[in-house]
Amino acid sequence: MPTFIKCPVCHTETPWTGNPHRPFCSERCRFVDLGAWADGKYRIADDEREDESQPADETDRQ
């Protein structure tokens, strides 16, 4: 029995094996997700910078 997953964008159930777009159901959903990253809708937290008012370059010099 094939394994099915839900597309992270549209939540359509799609087979895992034989799917060239996995974990997405289609090329469209892949590009929607890529566009969200490009627009800054997804972020990875940066715990290293304590003071957001100074750029990283100036913080390193002090």
N, C-alpha and C. Protein backbone atom coordinates (compact mmCIF):
# COMPACT_ATOMS: atom_id res chain seq x y z
N MET A 1 0.85 -1.18 0.00
CA MET A 1 0.00 0.00 0.00
C MET A 1 0.89 1.25 0.00
N PRO A 2 0.69 2.18 -0.94
CA PRO A 2 1.53 3.38 -1.01
C PRO A 2 1.28 4.32 0.17
N THR A 3 2.32 5.06 0.53
CA THR A 3 2.22 6.04 1.60
C THR A 3 1.71 7.36 1.03
N PHE A 4 0.74 7.95 1.69
CA PHE A 4 0.19 9.23 1.27
C PHE A 4 0.53 10.28 2.31
N ILE A 5 0.80 11.48 1.84
CA ILE A 5 1.06 12.61 2.72
C ILE A 5 0.16 13.77 2.30
N LYS A 6 0.01 14.75 3.18
CA LYS A 6 -0.76 15.94 2.84
C LYS A 6 0.19 17.03 2.38
N CYS A 7 -0.14 17.64 1.29
CA CYS A 7 0.66 18.74 0.75
C CYS A 7 0.68 19.87 1.79
N PRO A 8 1.86 20.42 2.12
CA PRO A 8 1.92 21.47 3.12
C PRO A 8 1.25 22.78 2.69
N VAL A 9 1.00 22.95 1.41
CA VAL A 9 0.38 24.19 0.92
C VAL A 9 -1.13 24.06 0.82
N CYS A 10 -1.61 23.06 0.09
CA CYS A 10 -3.07 22.96 -0.16
C CYS A 10 -3.73 21.82 0.61
N HIS A 11 -2.95 21.01 1.30
CA HIS A 11 -3.43 19.89 2.13
C HIS A 11 -4.10 18.77 1.35
N THR A 12 -3.82 18.68 0.06
CA THR A 12 -4.32 17.57 -0.75
C THR A 12 -3.48 16.33 -0.46
N GLU A 13 -4.13 15.18 -0.29
CA GLU A 13 -3.38 13.94 -0.09
C GLU A 13 -2.72 13.53 -1.40
N THR A 14 -1.45 13.22 -1.31
CA THR A 14 -0.67 12.88 -2.49
C THR A 14 0.28 11.73 -2.17
N PRO A 15 0.56 10.85 -3.13
CA PRO A 15 1.46 9.73 -2.84
C PRO A 15 2.90 10.22 -2.66
N TRP A 16 3.62 9.57 -1.74
CA TRP A 16 5.01 9.92 -1.49
C TRP A 16 5.92 9.36 -2.60
N THR A 17 5.75 8.09 -2.93
CA THR A 17 6.59 7.48 -3.94
C THR A 17 6.10 7.85 -5.33
N GLY A 18 7.06 8.10 -6.21
CA GLY A 18 6.72 8.43 -7.59
C GLY A 18 6.27 9.87 -7.77
N ASN A 19 6.37 10.68 -6.75
CA ASN A 19 5.94 12.08 -6.83
C ASN A 19 7.18 12.97 -6.96
N PRO A 20 7.42 13.54 -8.12
CA PRO A 20 8.62 14.36 -8.31
C PRO A 20 8.58 15.69 -7.56
N HIS A 21 7.43 16.07 -7.03
CA HIS A 21 7.27 17.36 -6.35
C HIS A 21 7.21 17.23 -4.83
N ARG A 22 7.41 16.02 -4.31
CA ARG A 22 7.23 15.82 -2.88
C ARG A 22 8.10 16.74 -2.05
N PRO A 23 7.64 17.23 -0.97
CA PRO A 23 6.43 16.87 -0.24
C PRO A 23 5.18 17.59 -0.74
N PHE A 24 5.30 18.31 -1.85
CA PHE A 24 4.15 19.02 -2.41
C PHE A 24 3.42 18.14 -3.41
N CYS A 25 2.17 18.51 -3.70
CA CYS A 25 1.38 17.70 -4.63
C CYS A 25 1.65 18.06 -6.08
N SER A 26 2.13 19.28 -6.33
CA SER A 26 2.32 19.74 -7.70
C SER A 26 3.41 20.78 -7.78
N GLU A 27 3.80 21.10 -9.00
CA GLU A 27 4.79 22.14 -9.22
C GLU A 27 4.25 23.49 -8.74
N ARG A 28 2.96 23.71 -8.93
CA ARG A 28 2.34 24.96 -8.49
C ARG A 28 2.54 25.17 -7.00
N CYS A 29 2.26 24.14 -6.20
CA CYS A 29 2.41 24.26 -4.74
C CYS A 29 3.87 24.46 -4.36
N ARG A 30 4.79 23.87 -5.10
CA ARG A 30 6.22 24.09 -4.85
C ARG A 30 6.56 25.57 -5.03
N PHE A 31 6.03 26.17 -6.10
CA PHE A 31 6.33 27.57 -6.37
C PHE A 31 5.61 28.51 -5.41
N VAL A 32 4.44 28.15 -4.95
CA VAL A 32 3.75 28.95 -3.94
C VAL A 32 4.59 29.00 -2.66
N ASP A 33 5.12 27.86 -2.26
CA ASP A 33 5.97 27.79 -1.06
C ASP A 33 7.26 28.57 -1.26
N LEU A 34 7.89 28.44 -2.42
CA LEU A 34 9.11 29.17 -2.72
C LEU A 34 8.85 30.68 -2.69
N GLY A 35 7.72 31.10 -3.22
CA GLY A 35 7.36 32.52 -3.20
C GLY A 35 7.17 33.04 -1.79
N ALA A 36 6.61 32.21 -0.92
CA ALA A 36 6.44 32.61 0.48
C ALA A 36 7.79 32.84 1.15
N TRP A 37 8.77 31.98 0.86
CA TRP A 37 10.13 32.18 1.38
C TRP A 37 10.71 33.47 0.83
N ALA A 38 10.55 33.70 -0.46
CA ALA A 38 11.12 34.89 -1.10
C ALA A 38 10.49 36.18 -0.56
N ASP A 39 9.21 36.13 -0.21
CA ASP A 39 8.52 37.30 0.33
C ASP A 39 8.81 37.53 1.80
N GLY A 40 9.52 36.60 2.44
CA GLY A 40 9.84 36.74 3.85
C GLY A 40 8.74 36.30 4.78
N LYS A 41 7.78 35.53 4.29
CA LYS A 41 6.69 35.05 5.14
C LYS A 41 7.16 33.98 6.10
N TYR A 42 8.22 33.26 5.75
CA TYR A 42 8.82 32.27 6.63
C TYR A 42 10.15 32.84 7.10
N ARG A 43 10.45 32.65 8.37
CA ARG A 43 11.72 33.14 8.90
C ARG A 43 12.32 32.10 9.83
N ILE A 44 13.63 32.12 9.88
CA ILE A 44 14.35 31.29 10.83
C ILE A 44 14.91 32.24 11.88
N ALA A 45 14.62 31.97 13.13
CA ALA A 45 15.05 32.86 14.21
C ALA A 45 16.56 32.93 14.31
N ASP A 46 17.05 34.12 14.62
CA ASP A 46 18.49 34.34 14.80
C ASP A 46 18.71 34.68 16.27
N ASP A 47 19.15 33.71 17.05
CA ASP A 47 19.35 33.90 18.48
C ASP A 47 20.67 34.59 18.81
N GLU A 48 21.59 34.68 17.86
CA GLU A 48 22.91 35.21 18.15
C GLU A 48 22.92 36.73 18.30
N ARG A 49 22.07 37.43 17.59
CA ARG A 49 22.05 38.89 17.68
C ARG A 49 21.17 39.32 18.83
N GLU A 50 21.76 40.03 19.78
CA GLU A 50 21.01 40.49 20.96
C GLU A 50 20.40 41.86 20.74
N ASP A 51 21.15 42.78 20.13
CA ASP A 51 20.69 44.15 19.94
C ASP A 51 20.33 44.35 18.47
N GLU A 52 19.05 44.41 18.18
CA GLU A 52 18.58 44.54 16.81
C GLU A 52 18.78 45.95 16.25
N SER A 53 19.11 46.94 17.09
CA SER A 53 19.26 48.30 16.60
C SER A 53 20.58 48.52 15.87
N GLN A 54 21.57 47.64 16.08
CA GLN A 54 22.85 47.78 15.41
C GLN A 54 23.04 46.67 14.39
N PRO A 55 23.57 47.01 13.22
CA PRO A 55 23.88 45.96 12.24
C PRO A 55 24.93 45.01 12.80
N ALA A 56 24.98 43.81 12.29
CA ALA A 56 25.91 42.79 12.78
C ALA A 56 27.36 43.25 12.67
N ASP A 57 27.72 44.04 11.63
CA ASP A 57 29.09 44.50 11.44
C ASP A 57 29.56 45.35 12.62
N GLU A 58 28.72 46.30 13.05
CA GLU A 58 29.09 47.18 14.14
C GLU A 58 29.15 46.47 15.47
N THR A 59 28.29 45.49 15.67
CA THR A 59 28.28 44.73 16.91
C THR A 59 29.58 43.95 17.08
N ASP A 60 30.13 43.44 15.98
CA ASP A 60 31.36 42.66 16.04
C ASP A 60 32.56 43.53 16.40
N ARG A 61 32.55 44.82 16.04
CA ARG A 61 33.68 45.70 16.29
C ARG A 61 33.76 46.13 17.74
N GLN A 62 32.68 46.11 18.46
CA GLN A 62 32.68 46.62 19.84
C GLN A 62 33.22 45.63 20.81
